[in-house]
Amino acid sequence: MDFDQKQTFKLVLVGDPMVGKTSLRRRYLGEGFSYNYLMTIGADFGIKRVGNTIFQIWDLAGQENFEIVREGYYNGANGALVVFDVTRPQTYEHIPQWINEVVKNVGKMIPFILVGNKVDLRKEGEKWCVPTDVAKQYAETLSDWSGYDVGYIETSALLGFNVEKVFEDLVDEIIASLQMD
């Protein structure tokens, strides 16, 4: 990743309520982790500079009643993190809806990464957790469907596990897509 070139990327974080989007954003921006849940109203926004590169990070509210409000926040998005909670399979099952919402509101397919968050809460052998291999296989299916290399990365915003990596990998995918245009 070349951060010496002056560029700005708009990244959106989407997914069901309480999957950890805000915690991922806060951790990446160096704001630490908060145990208190604060519902995002509409969207929350942060900026991170790395060299000459600027990341505009938009954390979109996951509640269904904010769908109309979210529409405007997708404008100009270069990439998305589609986040689910590995301990809540229903959040994984809603991924297609989130991807469709991104495509509809951006007006085209953009690079995205599937993010399984809260791996610190996963217990071995628990049947109610989304297995890593299932999510990886789904990311491969999404790659074939979308035309982009859709990665799957497991994170823990609490521990900071893979938080930097997920944002860096998304930017790498965005840069690769821009070079293909």
N, C-alpha and C. Protein backbone atom coordinates (compact mmCIF):
# COMPACT_ATOMS: atom_id res chain seq x y z
N MET A 1 0.84 -1.17 0.00
CA MET A 1 0.00 0.00 0.00
C MET A 1 0.89 1.24 0.00
N ASP A 2 0.64 2.13 -0.95
CA ASP A 2 1.45 3.34 -1.09
C ASP A 2 0.67 4.52 -0.50
N PHE A 3 1.11 4.99 0.66
CA PHE A 3 0.43 6.11 1.30
C PHE A 3 1.09 7.44 1.01
N ASP A 4 2.13 7.44 0.15
CA ASP A 4 2.80 8.68 -0.18
C ASP A 4 2.02 9.48 -1.21
N GLN A 5 1.24 8.78 -2.03
CA GLN A 5 0.43 9.43 -3.04
C GLN A 5 -0.78 10.06 -2.35
N LYS A 6 -1.09 11.31 -2.72
CA LYS A 6 -2.23 11.99 -2.10
C LYS A 6 -3.53 11.40 -2.65
N GLN A 7 -4.32 10.82 -1.76
CA GLN A 7 -5.59 10.22 -2.16
C GLN A 7 -6.52 10.18 -0.96
N THR A 8 -7.81 10.14 -1.27
CA THR A 8 -8.84 10.04 -0.24
C THR A 8 -9.75 8.88 -0.57
N PHE A 9 -10.05 8.07 0.43
CA PHE A 9 -10.93 6.93 0.26
C PHE A 9 -12.08 7.04 1.25
N LYS A 10 -13.29 6.80 0.74
CA LYS A 10 -14.46 6.77 1.60
C LYS A 10 -14.82 5.30 1.83
N LEU A 11 -14.80 4.91 3.10
CA LEU A 11 -15.09 3.54 3.50
C LEU A 11 -16.37 3.53 4.33
N VAL A 12 -17.25 2.57 4.06
CA VAL A 12 -18.47 2.45 4.85
C VAL A 12 -18.45 1.12 5.60
N LEU A 13 -18.93 1.16 6.83
CA LEU A 13 -19.09 -0.04 7.64
C LEU A 13 -20.58 -0.31 7.75
N VAL A 14 -20.99 -1.51 7.30
CA VAL A 14 -22.42 -1.85 7.31
C VAL A 14 -22.61 -3.20 7.99
N GLY A 15 -23.80 -3.41 8.49
CA GLY A 15 -24.16 -4.65 9.15
C GLY A 15 -25.24 -4.40 10.18
N ASP A 16 -25.75 -5.47 10.72
CA ASP A 16 -26.82 -5.40 11.70
C ASP A 16 -26.40 -4.59 12.93
N PRO A 17 -27.39 -4.16 13.72
CA PRO A 17 -27.07 -3.47 14.98
C PRO A 17 -26.26 -4.38 15.91
N MET A 18 -25.36 -3.78 16.64
CA MET A 18 -24.60 -4.45 17.70
C MET A 18 -23.63 -5.54 17.20
N VAL A 19 -23.16 -5.43 15.95
CA VAL A 19 -22.16 -6.38 15.47
C VAL A 19 -20.75 -5.89 15.75
N GLY A 20 -20.62 -4.62 16.15
CA GLY A 20 -19.31 -4.07 16.49
C GLY A 20 -18.73 -3.11 15.48
N LYS A 21 -19.54 -2.54 14.61
CA LYS A 21 -19.04 -1.59 13.60
C LYS A 21 -18.39 -0.38 14.27
N THR A 22 -19.08 0.20 15.22
CA THR A 22 -18.55 1.38 15.92
C THR A 22 -17.28 1.03 16.67
N SER A 23 -17.25 -0.11 17.30
CA SER A 23 -16.05 -0.53 18.04
C SER A 23 -14.87 -0.74 17.11
N LEU A 24 -15.11 -1.31 15.93
CA LEU A 24 -14.03 -1.48 14.95
C LEU A 24 -13.49 -0.12 14.50
N ARG A 25 -14.43 0.79 14.18
CA ARG A 25 -14.02 2.13 13.74
C ARG A 25 -13.25 2.84 14.84
N ARG A 26 -13.76 2.82 16.05
CA ARG A 26 -13.09 3.49 17.17
C ARG A 26 -11.70 2.91 17.42
N ARG A 27 -11.59 1.59 17.38
CA ARG A 27 -10.29 0.93 17.60
C ARG A 27 -9.32 1.34 16.51
N TYR A 28 -9.76 1.34 15.25
CA TYR A 28 -8.88 1.70 14.14
C TYR A 28 -8.42 3.16 14.24
N LEU A 29 -9.30 4.02 14.73
CA LEU A 29 -8.95 5.44 14.85
C LEU A 29 -8.17 5.73 16.13
N GLY A 30 -7.86 4.70 16.91
CA GLY A 30 -7.06 4.90 18.13
C GLY A 30 -7.86 5.42 19.29
N GLU A 31 -9.18 5.27 19.25
CA GLU A 31 -10.05 5.78 20.32
C GLU A 31 -10.32 4.74 21.40
N GLY A 32 -9.73 3.55 21.26
CA GLY A 32 -9.91 2.53 22.26
C GLY A 32 -11.23 1.79 22.13
N PHE A 33 -11.55 1.03 23.16
CA PHE A 33 -12.76 0.19 23.17
C PHE A 33 -13.66 0.65 24.30
N SER A 34 -14.95 0.72 24.02
CA SER A 34 -15.91 1.07 25.06
C SER A 34 -16.85 -0.11 25.28
N TYR A 35 -17.06 -0.48 26.53
CA TYR A 35 -17.97 -1.57 26.86
C TYR A 35 -19.43 -1.12 26.82
N ASN A 36 -19.66 0.17 26.79
CA ASN A 36 -21.02 0.70 26.77
C ASN A 36 -21.53 0.76 25.33
N TYR A 37 -22.71 0.21 25.10
CA TYR A 37 -23.30 0.24 23.77
C TYR A 37 -24.02 1.56 23.58
N LEU A 38 -23.62 2.28 22.53
CA LEU A 38 -24.30 3.50 22.14
C LEU A 38 -24.78 3.31 20.71
N MET A 39 -26.08 3.33 20.53
CA MET A 39 -26.64 3.13 19.20
C MET A 39 -26.22 4.28 18.28
N THR A 40 -25.76 3.93 17.08
CA THR A 40 -25.44 4.94 16.08
C THR A 40 -26.74 5.46 15.50
N ILE A 41 -26.88 6.77 15.48
CA ILE A 41 -28.07 7.41 14.92
C ILE A 41 -27.71 7.89 13.52
N GLY A 42 -28.22 7.22 12.51
CA GLY A 42 -27.90 7.60 11.12
C GLY A 42 -26.53 7.11 10.72
N ALA A 43 -25.52 7.88 11.10
CA ALA A 43 -24.13 7.51 10.77
C ALA A 43 -23.19 8.20 11.74
N ASP A 44 -22.03 7.62 11.88
CA ASP A 44 -20.95 8.24 12.64
C ASP A 44 -19.76 8.31 11.70
N PHE A 45 -18.90 9.25 11.90
CA PHE A 45 -17.88 9.56 10.92
C PHE A 45 -16.54 9.77 11.61
N GLY A 46 -15.48 9.33 10.97
CA GLY A 46 -14.14 9.58 11.48
C GLY A 46 -13.16 9.66 10.32
N ILE A 47 -12.05 10.33 10.57
CA ILE A 47 -11.00 10.47 9.55
C ILE A 47 -9.69 9.95 10.12
N LYS A 48 -8.97 9.24 9.28
CA LYS A 48 -7.63 8.79 9.65
C LYS A 48 -6.69 9.14 8.50
N ARG A 49 -5.57 9.73 8.85
CA ARG A 49 -4.54 10.04 7.86
C ARG A 49 -3.39 9.06 8.04
N VAL A 50 -2.97 8.49 6.93
CA VAL A 50 -1.80 7.63 6.91
C VAL A 50 -0.93 8.15 5.77
N GLY A 51 0.17 8.82 6.12
CA GLY A 51 0.97 9.49 5.09
C GLY A 51 0.11 10.57 4.45
N ASN A 52 0.06 10.57 3.12
CA ASN A 52 -0.77 11.53 2.39
C ASN A 52 -2.17 11.00 2.10
N THR A 53 -2.47 9.80 2.56
CA THR A 53 -3.76 9.19 2.30
C THR A 53 -4.73 9.51 3.43
N ILE A 54 -5.96 9.86 3.03
CA ILE A 54 -7.00 10.18 4.00
C ILE A 54 -8.10 9.13 3.88
N PHE A 55 -8.48 8.57 5.02
CA PHE A 55 -9.57 7.63 5.08
C PHE A 55 -10.76 8.30 5.74
N GLN A 56 -11.86 8.41 5.00
CA GLN A 56 -13.13 8.85 5.58
C GLN A 56 -13.88 7.57 5.94
N ILE A 57 -14.13 7.37 7.20
CA ILE A 57 -14.75 6.12 7.65
C ILE A 57 -16.15 6.43 8.17
N TRP A 58 -17.13 5.88 7.46
CA TRP A 58 -18.53 6.10 7.79
C TRP A 58 -19.12 4.83 8.40
N ASP A 59 -19.52 4.94 9.63
CA ASP A 59 -20.12 3.85 10.39
C ASP A 59 -21.64 4.05 10.32
N LEU A 60 -22.32 3.21 9.53
CA LEU A 60 -23.75 3.41 9.28
C LEU A 60 -24.60 2.63 10.26
N ALA A 61 -25.64 3.27 10.75
CA ALA A 61 -26.56 2.65 11.71
C ALA A 61 -27.16 1.39 11.11
N GLY A 62 -27.24 0.32 11.90
CA GLY A 62 -27.74 -0.95 11.40
C GLY A 62 -29.23 -1.17 11.58
N GLN A 63 -29.88 -0.32 12.36
CA GLN A 63 -31.30 -0.52 12.62
C GLN A 63 -32.10 -0.31 11.34
N GLU A 64 -33.10 -1.16 11.15
CA GLU A 64 -33.93 -1.12 9.94
C GLU A 64 -34.60 0.24 9.74
N ASN A 65 -35.00 0.88 10.83
CA ASN A 65 -35.69 2.17 10.70
C ASN A 65 -34.78 3.30 10.21
N PHE A 66 -33.48 3.05 10.07
CA PHE A 66 -32.55 4.06 9.55
C PHE A 66 -32.21 3.83 8.07
N GLU A 67 -32.88 2.87 7.43
CA GLU A 67 -32.55 2.54 6.03
C GLU A 67 -32.63 3.77 5.12
N ILE A 68 -33.67 4.55 5.24
CA ILE A 68 -33.83 5.74 4.39
C ILE A 68 -32.72 6.75 4.69
N VAL A 69 -32.39 6.91 5.95
CA VAL A 69 -31.34 7.86 6.34
C VAL A 69 -29.98 7.43 5.80
N ARG A 70 -29.72 6.11 5.79
CA ARG A 70 -28.42 5.59 5.35
C ARG A 70 -28.15 5.87 3.87
N GLU A 71 -29.21 5.93 3.07
CA GLU A 71 -29.05 6.04 1.62
C GLU A 71 -28.04 7.11 1.21
N GLY A 72 -28.13 8.29 1.76
CA GLY A 72 -27.26 9.40 1.38
C GLY A 72 -25.80 9.21 1.78
N TYR A 73 -25.56 8.41 2.80
CA TYR A 73 -24.20 8.23 3.29
C TYR A 73 -23.35 7.32 2.40
N TYR A 74 -23.98 6.60 1.49
CA TYR A 74 -23.24 5.73 0.58
C TYR A 74 -22.59 6.50 -0.57
N ASN A 75 -23.07 7.69 -0.83
CA ASN A 75 -22.60 8.46 -1.99
C ASN A 75 -21.08 8.60 -2.00
N GLY A 76 -20.46 8.14 -3.07
CA GLY A 76 -19.01 8.27 -3.23
C GLY A 76 -18.19 7.22 -2.50
N ALA A 77 -18.84 6.20 -1.94
CA ALA A 77 -18.09 5.17 -1.21
C ALA A 77 -17.18 4.39 -2.17
N ASN A 78 -15.95 4.16 -1.73
CA ASN A 78 -14.98 3.39 -2.51
C ASN A 78 -14.91 1.93 -2.09
N GLY A 79 -15.33 1.63 -0.86
CA GLY A 79 -15.24 0.26 -0.36
C GLY A 79 -16.08 0.11 0.90
N ALA A 80 -16.37 -1.16 1.23
CA ALA A 80 -17.23 -1.43 2.38
C ALA A 80 -16.68 -2.59 3.21
N LEU A 81 -16.88 -2.48 4.51
CA LEU A 81 -16.69 -3.60 5.41
C LEU A 81 -18.09 -4.07 5.78
N VAL A 82 -18.42 -5.31 5.44
CA VAL A 82 -19.72 -5.89 5.74
C VAL A 82 -19.50 -6.76 6.99
N VAL A 83 -19.99 -6.27 8.12
CA VAL A 83 -19.65 -6.83 9.42
C VAL A 83 -20.80 -7.67 9.98
N PHE A 84 -20.45 -8.83 10.53
CA PHE A 84 -21.40 -9.63 11.28
C PHE A 84 -20.74 -10.10 12.57
N ASP A 85 -21.56 -10.56 13.50
CA ASP A 85 -21.10 -11.04 14.80
C ASP A 85 -21.04 -12.57 14.72
N VAL A 86 -19.86 -13.15 14.88
CA VAL A 86 -19.70 -14.60 14.74
C VAL A 86 -20.52 -15.38 15.76
N THR A 87 -20.94 -14.72 16.84
CA THR A 87 -21.72 -15.41 17.88
C THR A 87 -23.22 -15.26 17.66
N ARG A 88 -23.62 -14.53 16.61
CA ARG A 88 -25.04 -14.34 16.31
C ARG A 88 -25.29 -14.67 14.85
N PRO A 89 -25.57 -15.94 14.54
CA PRO A 89 -25.73 -16.37 13.14
C PRO A 89 -26.73 -15.56 12.33
N GLN A 90 -27.76 -15.01 12.97
CA GLN A 90 -28.74 -14.23 12.21
C GLN A 90 -28.08 -13.00 11.58
N THR A 91 -27.03 -12.47 12.19
CA THR A 91 -26.35 -11.31 11.60
C THR A 91 -25.58 -11.73 10.35
N TYR A 92 -25.10 -12.96 10.33
CA TYR A 92 -24.44 -13.54 9.16
C TYR A 92 -25.45 -13.76 8.04
N GLU A 93 -26.63 -14.22 8.40
CA GLU A 93 -27.67 -14.50 7.41
C GLU A 93 -28.17 -13.23 6.72
N HIS A 94 -27.96 -12.07 7.32
CA HIS A 94 -28.41 -10.80 6.74
C HIS A 94 -27.39 -10.17 5.78
N ILE A 95 -26.25 -10.80 5.62
CA ILE A 95 -25.20 -10.24 4.76
C ILE A 95 -25.70 -9.91 3.35
N PRO A 96 -26.44 -10.80 2.68
CA PRO A 96 -26.90 -10.46 1.32
C PRO A 96 -27.71 -9.16 1.27
N GLN A 97 -28.52 -8.91 2.29
CA GLN A 97 -29.30 -7.67 2.33
C GLN A 97 -28.38 -6.46 2.40
N TRP A 98 -27.31 -6.56 3.20
CA TRP A 98 -26.38 -5.43 3.32
C TRP A 98 -25.62 -5.20 2.02
N ILE A 99 -25.20 -6.26 1.38
CA ILE A 99 -24.48 -6.11 0.11
C ILE A 99 -25.41 -5.49 -0.93
N ASN A 100 -26.65 -5.96 -0.99
CA ASN A 100 -27.61 -5.39 -1.94
C ASN A 100 -27.86 -3.91 -1.66
N GLU A 101 -27.92 -3.54 -0.39
CA GLU A 101 -28.13 -2.13 -0.04
C GLU A 101 -26.94 -1.28 -0.49
N VAL A 102 -25.73 -1.79 -0.29
CA VAL A 102 -24.54 -1.05 -0.74
C VAL A 102 -24.59 -0.85 -2.25
N VAL A 103 -24.80 -1.92 -3.00
CA VAL A 103 -24.81 -1.84 -4.47
C VAL A 103 -25.91 -0.89 -4.95
N LYS A 104 -27.09 -1.01 -4.37
CA LYS A 104 -28.22 -0.16 -4.77
C LYS A 104 -27.90 1.32 -4.54
N ASN A 105 -27.33 1.64 -3.39
CA ASN A 105 -27.12 3.05 -3.04
C ASN A 105 -25.84 3.65 -3.61
N VAL A 106 -24.83 2.84 -3.86
CA VAL A 106 -23.62 3.35 -4.50
C VAL A 106 -23.85 3.42 -6.02
N GLY A 107 -24.71 2.54 -6.52
CA GLY A 107 -25.01 2.51 -7.94
C GLY A 107 -24.14 1.54 -8.73
N LYS A 108 -23.29 0.82 -8.02
CA LYS A 108 -22.42 -0.17 -8.66
C LYS A 108 -21.80 -1.04 -7.57
N MET A 109 -21.18 -2.12 -8.01
CA MET A 109 -20.44 -2.98 -7.08
C MET A 109 -19.14 -2.27 -6.72
N ILE A 110 -18.79 -2.29 -5.45
CA ILE A 110 -17.51 -1.75 -4.99
C ILE A 110 -16.79 -2.83 -4.20
N PRO A 111 -15.48 -2.70 -4.04
CA PRO A 111 -14.76 -3.70 -3.23
C PRO A 111 -15.30 -3.73 -1.80
N PHE A 112 -15.37 -4.95 -1.26
CA PHE A 112 -15.80 -5.09 0.12
C PHE A 112 -15.13 -6.31 0.74
N ILE A 113 -15.11 -6.30 2.06
CA ILE A 113 -14.55 -7.42 2.82
C ILE A 113 -15.62 -7.88 3.80
N LEU A 114 -15.76 -9.16 3.91
CA LEU A 114 -16.67 -9.78 4.88
C LEU A 114 -15.90 -9.87 6.20
N VAL A 115 -16.48 -9.31 7.27
CA VAL A 115 -15.80 -9.23 8.56
C VAL A 115 -16.60 -9.98 9.62
N GLY A 116 -16.01 -11.03 10.17
CA GLY A 116 -16.61 -11.75 11.29
C GLY A 116 -16.02 -11.20 12.58
N ASN A 117 -16.79 -10.37 13.27
CA ASN A 117 -16.29 -9.70 14.47
C ASN A 117 -16.69 -10.46 15.74
N LYS A 118 -16.05 -10.12 16.82
CA LYS A 118 -16.29 -10.66 18.16
C LYS A 118 -15.78 -12.10 18.30
N VAL A 119 -14.67 -12.41 17.62
CA VAL A 119 -14.12 -13.76 17.73
C VAL A 119 -13.63 -14.06 19.15
N ASP A 120 -13.41 -13.04 19.95
CA ASP A 120 -13.01 -13.26 21.34
C ASP A 120 -14.13 -13.93 22.14
N LEU A 121 -15.37 -13.87 21.64
CA LEU A 121 -16.51 -14.48 22.33
C LEU A 121 -16.83 -15.89 21.84
N ARG A 122 -16.16 -16.30 20.76
CA ARG A 122 -16.41 -17.64 20.20
C ARG A 122 -15.80 -18.70 21.11
N LYS A 123 -16.57 -19.73 21.35
CA LYS A 123 -16.08 -20.85 22.15
C LYS A 123 -16.00 -22.07 21.25
N GLU A 124 -14.93 -22.82 21.36
CA GLU A 124 -14.73 -24.02 20.53
C GLU A 124 -15.91 -24.98 20.65
N GLY A 125 -16.36 -25.46 19.52
CA GLY A 125 -17.41 -26.46 19.49
C GLY A 125 -18.82 -25.92 19.68
N GLU A 126 -18.96 -24.62 19.89
CA GLU A 126 -20.30 -24.05 20.07
C GLU A 126 -21.04 -24.10 18.74
N LYS A 127 -22.20 -24.70 18.74
CA LYS A 127 -22.97 -24.86 17.52
C LYS A 127 -23.61 -23.55 17.08
N TRP A 128 -23.80 -22.62 17.99
CA TRP A 128 -24.48 -21.38 17.64
C TRP A 128 -23.55 -20.34 17.04
N CYS A 129 -22.25 -20.59 16.94
CA CYS A 129 -21.31 -19.65 16.33
C CYS A 129 -21.14 -19.95 14.85
N VAL A 130 -20.87 -18.91 14.06
CA VAL A 130 -20.62 -19.08 12.63
C VAL A 130 -19.20 -19.64 12.47
N PRO A 131 -19.05 -20.84 11.89
CA PRO A 131 -17.72 -21.43 11.71
C PRO A 131 -16.88 -20.65 10.69
N THR A 132 -15.60 -20.56 10.95
CA THR A 132 -14.68 -19.84 10.07
C THR A 132 -14.74 -20.37 8.64
N ASP A 133 -14.73 -21.69 8.48
CA ASP A 133 -14.69 -22.27 7.13
C ASP A 133 -15.97 -21.96 6.36
N VAL A 134 -17.10 -21.85 7.03
CA VAL A 134 -18.37 -21.51 6.36
C VAL A 134 -18.30 -20.08 5.83
N ALA A 135 -17.81 -19.16 6.64
CA ALA A 135 -17.71 -17.76 6.22
C ALA A 135 -16.68 -17.59 5.10
N LYS A 136 -15.56 -18.32 5.18
CA LYS A 136 -14.55 -18.25 4.11
C LYS A 136 -15.13 -18.75 2.79
N GLN A 137 -15.87 -19.84 2.83
CA GLN A 137 -16.49 -20.37 1.62
C GLN A 137 -17.48 -19.37 1.04
N TYR A 138 -18.23 -18.70 1.90
CA TYR A 138 -19.18 -17.70 1.43
C TYR A 138 -18.46 -16.53 0.77
N ALA A 139 -17.33 -16.12 1.34
CA ALA A 139 -16.53 -15.04 0.74
C ALA A 139 -16.05 -15.44 -0.65
N GLU A 140 -15.68 -16.71 -0.83
CA GLU A 140 -15.27 -17.19 -2.16
C GLU A 140 -16.45 -17.12 -3.13
N THR A 141 -17.63 -17.50 -2.67
CA THR A 141 -18.83 -17.42 -3.51
C THR A 141 -19.11 -15.96 -3.88
N LEU A 142 -18.96 -15.06 -2.92
CA LEU A 142 -19.17 -13.64 -3.18
C LEU A 142 -18.13 -13.10 -4.16
N SER A 143 -16.92 -13.62 -4.12
CA SER A 143 -15.88 -13.21 -5.08
C SER A 143 -16.30 -13.56 -6.49
N ASP A 144 -16.77 -14.77 -6.67
CA ASP A 144 -17.23 -15.20 -8.01
C ASP A 144 -18.39 -14.34 -8.48
N TRP A 145 -19.31 -14.03 -7.58
CA TRP A 145 -20.50 -13.26 -7.93
C TRP A 145 -20.19 -11.80 -8.21
N SER A 146 -19.32 -11.18 -7.40
CA SER A 146 -19.11 -9.74 -7.47
C SER A 146 -18.06 -9.30 -8.49
N GLY A 147 -17.14 -10.20 -8.83
CA GLY A 147 -16.04 -9.81 -9.70
C GLY A 147 -14.87 -9.20 -8.94
N TYR A 148 -14.98 -9.11 -7.63
CA TYR A 148 -13.90 -8.62 -6.78
C TYR A 148 -13.39 -9.76 -5.93
N ASP A 149 -12.17 -9.61 -5.45
CA ASP A 149 -11.62 -10.59 -4.52
C ASP A 149 -12.15 -10.25 -3.13
N VAL A 150 -13.20 -10.93 -2.72
CA VAL A 150 -13.83 -10.65 -1.43
C VAL A 150 -13.11 -11.49 -0.37
N GLY A 151 -12.46 -10.82 0.53
CA GLY A 151 -11.77 -11.51 1.60
C GLY A 151 -12.70 -11.73 2.79
N TYR A 152 -12.32 -12.67 3.62
CA TYR A 152 -13.00 -12.86 4.90
C TYR A 152 -11.95 -12.73 5.99
N ILE A 153 -12.20 -11.83 6.91
CA ILE A 153 -11.27 -11.60 8.02
C ILE A 153 -12.04 -11.62 9.33
N GLU A 154 -11.52 -12.37 10.28
CA GLU A 154 -12.12 -12.39 11.61
C GLU A 154 -11.40 -11.37 12.48
N THR A 155 -12.18 -10.63 13.27
CA THR A 155 -11.64 -9.56 14.09
C THR A 155 -12.18 -9.63 15.52
N SER A 156 -11.50 -8.92 16.37
CA SER A 156 -12.00 -8.64 17.72
C SER A 156 -11.68 -7.19 18.01
N ALA A 157 -12.71 -6.36 18.01
CA ALA A 157 -12.50 -4.95 18.35
C ALA A 157 -12.04 -4.81 19.79
N LEU A 158 -12.51 -5.70 20.66
CA LEU A 158 -12.12 -5.67 22.07
C LEU A 158 -10.61 -5.86 22.21
N LEU A 159 -10.06 -6.86 21.54
CA LEU A 159 -8.64 -7.18 21.65
C LEU A 159 -7.78 -6.44 20.63
N GLY A 160 -8.40 -5.82 19.63
CA GLY A 160 -7.66 -5.16 18.56
C GLY A 160 -7.18 -6.16 17.52
N PHE A 161 -7.65 -7.39 17.57
CA PHE A 161 -7.21 -8.46 16.67
C PHE A 161 -7.68 -8.20 15.24
N ASN A 162 -6.72 -8.09 14.32
CA ASN A 162 -6.95 -7.91 12.88
C ASN A 162 -7.68 -6.63 12.50
N VAL A 163 -7.80 -5.67 13.40
CA VAL A 163 -8.51 -4.43 13.09
C VAL A 163 -7.75 -3.63 12.04
N GLU A 164 -6.45 -3.41 12.25
CA GLU A 164 -5.65 -2.69 11.25
C GLU A 164 -5.68 -3.44 9.92
N LYS A 165 -5.54 -4.75 9.99
CA LYS A 165 -5.48 -5.58 8.78
C LYS A 165 -6.73 -5.45 7.93
N VAL A 166 -7.90 -5.45 8.55
CA VAL A 166 -9.13 -5.42 7.78
C VAL A 166 -9.25 -4.10 7.00
N PHE A 167 -8.86 -2.99 7.61
CA PHE A 167 -8.90 -1.71 6.90
C PHE A 167 -7.82 -1.65 5.81
N GLU A 168 -6.63 -2.13 6.11
CA GLU A 168 -5.55 -2.13 5.12
C GLU A 168 -5.90 -3.02 3.93
N ASP A 169 -6.46 -4.19 4.19
CA ASP A 169 -6.84 -5.09 3.10
C ASP A 169 -7.93 -4.47 2.22
N LEU A 170 -8.87 -3.77 2.84
CA LEU A 170 -9.91 -3.12 2.05
C LEU A 170 -9.31 -2.05 1.14
N VAL A 171 -8.40 -1.25 1.67
CA VAL A 171 -7.76 -0.22 0.84
C VAL A 171 -6.96 -0.86 -0.28
N ASP A 172 -6.27 -1.96 0.00
CA ASP A 172 -5.54 -2.67 -1.06
C ASP A 172 -6.49 -3.10 -2.17
N GLU A 173 -7.67 -3.60 -1.80
CA GLU A 173 -8.66 -4.01 -2.80
C GLU A 173 -9.17 -2.82 -3.60
N ILE A 174 -9.37 -1.70 -2.93
CA ILE A 174 -9.82 -0.49 -3.63
C ILE A 174 -8.77 -0.04 -4.63
N ILE A 175 -7.52 0.01 -4.20
CA ILE A 175 -6.43 0.43 -5.10
C ILE A 175 -6.33 -0.52 -6.29
N ALA A 176 -6.43 -1.82 -6.05
CA ALA A 176 -6.37 -2.80 -7.14
C ALA A 176 -7.53 -2.58 -8.12
N SER A 177 -8.72 -2.26 -7.60
CA SER A 177 -9.87 -2.06 -8.48
C SER A 177 -9.70 -0.79 -9.32
N LEU A 178 -9.09 0.24 -8.73
CA LEU A 178 -8.88 1.50 -9.46
C LEU A 178 -7.86 1.29 -10.59
N GLN A 179 -6.87 0.43 -10.35
CA GLN A 179 -5.87 0.16 -11.38
C GLN A 179 -6.44 -0.66 -12.52
N MET A 180 -7.53 -1.40 -12.27
CA MET A 180 -8.18 -2.18 -13.32
C MET A 180 -9.06 -1.31 -14.20
N ASP A 181 -9.53 -0.17 -13.66
CA ASP A 181 -10.42 0.72 -14.44
C ASP A 181 -9.71 1.41 -15.57
